[in-house]
Amino acid sequence: MKSNSYDELIDLNISEQKWVKQISNISDVLETTLHALWQAIPSQQKTDICVLLTDDAQMQELNQQYRDKDRPTNVLSFPTADFHGSHLGDLALGYETCMQEITDKGISLEEHLCHLFVHGVLHLVGYDHQEQITAIKMEQLESRILLNLGRPDPWPKEVNK
């Protein structure tokens, strides 16, 4: 048994197998990322998160149902409404949208998954990017977490000033 393991905190559901073909060690990647995230916000209670790795068709359905937006998206966060320490919430990520984004950005799917996972979990714990000041704060925290993992900074340098 490894110490500081967060595997019991991630309930991973993969409905689109192309994720696994691209990233064979998805569980390890998510666990390591979650560990770095909790180190960055140590006051946050550590509890389970459900992660769905799916396709754009299902993402479009979820986006339509919960956000009234009839299009796929890269990540959706669903915080547990009455969080009492047992389940933080759910994340869903869409394969085809993520693949298009990595092509556009020239990054790996693993790097993008880490960024979107951090972004989604930060939404679950209450961060948002609706206002410029909260967006900057959230982006700076995302950058710090990813840099601590040895991952590239996903945001332009001017954001992190």
Protein backbone atom coordinates (compact mmCIF):
# COMPACT_ATOMS: atom_id res chain seq x y z
CA MET A 1 0.00 0.00 0.00
CA LYS A 2 1.47 3.35 -0.98
CA SER A 3 1.44 6.24 1.43
CA ASN A 4 -0.54 9.41 0.67
CA SER A 5 -2.67 7.49 -1.82
CA TYR A 6 -5.75 9.26 -3.06
CA ASP A 7 -7.05 6.36 -5.13
CA GLU A 8 -9.92 5.81 -2.72
CA LEU A 9 -10.97 9.41 -3.34
CA ILE A 10 -11.37 9.08 -7.12
CA ASP A 11 -14.22 7.01 -8.50
CA LEU A 12 -13.13 6.76 -12.14
CA ASN A 13 -15.67 5.82 -14.80
CA ILE A 14 -14.49 5.52 -18.39
CA SER A 15 -17.24 5.29 -20.99
CA GLU A 16 -14.99 6.37 -23.90
CA GLN A 17 -12.11 3.89 -24.19
CA LYS A 18 -10.06 6.22 -26.40
CA TRP A 19 -9.01 7.96 -23.18
CA VAL A 20 -7.23 4.77 -22.06
CA LYS A 21 -5.63 4.26 -25.48
CA GLN A 22 -4.07 7.73 -25.18
CA ILE A 23 -3.22 7.67 -21.45
CA SER A 24 -2.66 4.14 -20.14
CA ASN A 25 -2.01 5.27 -16.55
CA ILE A 26 -5.02 7.58 -16.14
CA SER A 27 -5.67 6.55 -12.52
CA ASP A 28 -2.09 7.33 -11.51
CA VAL A 29 -2.16 10.67 -13.35
CA LEU A 30 -5.38 11.72 -11.61
CA GLU A 31 -4.21 10.52 -8.18
CA THR A 32 -0.92 12.43 -8.47
CA THR A 33 -2.76 15.53 -9.64
CA LEU A 34 -5.28 15.32 -6.81
CA HIS A 35 -2.46 14.96 -4.29
CA ALA A 36 -0.81 18.15 -5.62
CA LEU A 37 -4.14 19.93 -5.56
CA TRP A 38 -4.78 19.06 -1.91
CA GLN A 39 -1.25 20.21 -1.02
CA ALA A 40 -2.05 23.60 -2.59
CA ILE A 41 -5.27 23.97 -0.60
CA PRO A 42 -4.57 22.05 2.63
CA SER A 43 -7.59 23.45 4.45
CA GLN A 44 -9.95 21.68 2.02
CA GLN A 45 -11.49 18.49 3.37
CA LYS A 46 -10.31 15.54 1.32
CA THR A 47 -13.25 13.52 0.10
CA ASP A 48 -14.28 11.49 -2.91
CA ILE A 49 -14.79 12.78 -6.43
CA CYS A 50 -16.45 10.91 -9.28
CA VAL A 51 -14.76 11.37 -12.66
CA LEU A 52 -16.42 10.41 -15.93
CA LEU A 53 -14.23 10.24 -19.03
CA THR A 54 -16.69 10.21 -21.89
CA ASP A 55 -17.31 11.34 -25.44
CA ASP A 56 -18.68 14.58 -26.85
CA ALA A 57 -22.16 13.16 -27.44
CA GLN A 58 -22.64 12.53 -23.72
CA MET A 59 -20.98 15.84 -22.83
CA GLN A 60 -23.43 17.63 -25.10
CA GLU A 61 -26.35 15.89 -23.37
CA LEU A 62 -25.02 16.84 -19.94
CA ASN A 63 -24.29 20.41 -21.01
CA GLN A 64 -27.81 20.73 -22.43
CA GLN A 65 -29.48 19.18 -19.42
CA TYR A 66 -27.60 21.07 -16.70
CA ARG A 67 -26.43 24.29 -18.35
CA ASP A 68 -28.95 24.73 -21.18
CA LYS A 69 -26.09 24.81 -23.70
CA ASP A 70 -26.59 22.53 -26.68
CA ARG A 71 -22.95 21.79 -27.45
CA PRO A 72 -20.17 19.62 -26.09
CA THR A 73 -17.55 21.07 -23.79
CA ASN A 74 -14.23 19.95 -22.36
CA VAL A 75 -15.11 19.65 -18.66
CA LEU A 76 -18.20 19.93 -16.49
CA SER A 77 -18.23 20.15 -12.71
CA PHE A 78 -21.17 19.13 -10.57
CA PRO A 79 -20.62 20.03 -6.92
CA THR A 80 -22.64 18.10 -4.41
CA ALA A 81 -25.36 20.52 -3.32
CA ASP A 82 -25.43 19.45 0.31
CA PHE A 83 -21.79 18.62 0.89
CA HIS A 84 -21.37 17.08 4.32
CA GLY A 85 -17.96 15.52 3.87
CA SER A 86 -18.92 12.35 2.04
CA HIS A 87 -18.82 13.33 -1.65
CA LEU A 88 -17.37 16.51 -3.11
CA GLY A 89 -18.96 16.17 -6.54
CA ASP A 90 -18.67 14.86 -10.06
CA LEU A 91 -16.53 15.80 -13.05
CA ALA A 92 -17.10 14.86 -16.68
CA LEU A 93 -14.58 15.31 -19.49
CA GLY A 94 -15.25 15.02 -23.22
CA TYR A 95 -12.72 13.21 -25.37
CA GLU A 96 -13.22 14.78 -28.80
CA THR A 97 -13.30 18.35 -27.50
CA CYS A 98 -10.14 17.70 -25.49
CA MET A 99 -8.45 16.17 -28.53
CA GLN A 100 -9.29 19.24 -30.61
CA GLU A 101 -7.96 21.52 -27.87
CA ILE A 102 -4.64 19.68 -27.58
CA THR A 103 -4.23 19.84 -31.35
CA ASP A 104 -4.91 23.58 -31.27
CA LYS A 105 -2.56 24.16 -28.31
CA GLY A 106 0.18 21.72 -29.27
CA ILE A 107 0.15 19.93 -25.90
CA SER A 108 -0.34 16.33 -24.82
CA LEU A 109 -3.67 14.87 -23.76
CA GLU A 110 -2.16 13.98 -20.38
CA GLU A 111 -1.13 17.61 -19.77
CA HIS A 112 -4.58 18.83 -20.76
CA LEU A 113 -6.32 16.20 -18.61
CA CYS A 114 -4.30 17.34 -15.59
CA HIS A 115 -5.22 20.97 -16.21
CA LEU A 116 -8.92 20.27 -16.73
CA PHE A 117 -9.02 17.96 -13.71
CA VAL A 118 -7.49 20.69 -11.52
CA HIS A 119 -9.87 23.25 -13.03
CA GLY A 120 -12.88 21.03 -12.41
CA VAL A 121 -11.94 20.16 -8.83
CA LEU A 122 -11.38 23.84 -8.06
CA HIS A 123 -14.94 24.47 -9.22
CA LEU A 124 -16.11 21.70 -6.88
CA VAL A 125 -14.47 23.43 -3.91
CA GLY A 126 -15.96 26.81 -4.76
CA TYR A 127 -13.60 28.60 -7.14
CA ASP A 128 -15.06 30.28 -10.19
CA HIS A 129 -14.07 32.52 -13.07
CA GLN A 130 -17.20 34.62 -13.49
CA GLU A 131 -15.47 37.85 -12.47
CA GLN A 132 -12.00 38.93 -13.60
CA ILE A 133 -10.54 38.97 -10.08
CA THR A 134 -11.80 35.45 -9.26
CA ALA A 135 -10.69 34.20 -12.68
CA ILE A 136 -7.15 35.48 -12.09
CA LYS A 137 -7.04 33.91 -8.63
CA MET A 138 -8.27 30.57 -10.00
CA GLU A 139 -5.85 30.63 -12.94
CA GLN A 140 -2.91 31.45 -10.66
CA LEU A 141 -3.78 28.53 -8.40
CA GLU A 142 -4.14 26.21 -11.40
CA SER A 143 -0.73 27.34 -12.64
CA ARG A 144 0.92 26.82 -9.25
CA ILE A 145 -0.52 23.31 -8.89
CA LEU A 146 0.50 22.26 -12.39
CA LEU A 147 3.98 23.78 -12.10
CA ASN A 148 4.43 21.91 -8.79
CA LEU A 149 3.69 18.73 -10.75
CA GLY A 150 6.32 19.64 -13.33
CA ARG A 151 3.59 20.30 -15.89
CA PRO A 152 3.51 23.30 -18.22
CA ASP A 153 1.73 26.47 -17.15
CA PRO A 154 -1.58 26.54 -19.06
CA TRP A 155 -2.02 30.31 -18.79
CA PRO A 156 -0.20 33.18 -20.49
CA LYS A 157 2.48 34.79 -18.38
CA GLU A 158 0.61 38.10 -18.09
CA VAL A 159 -2.16 36.29 -16.13
CA ASN A 160 0.31 35.20 -13.46
CA LYS A 161 1.69 38.64 -12.61
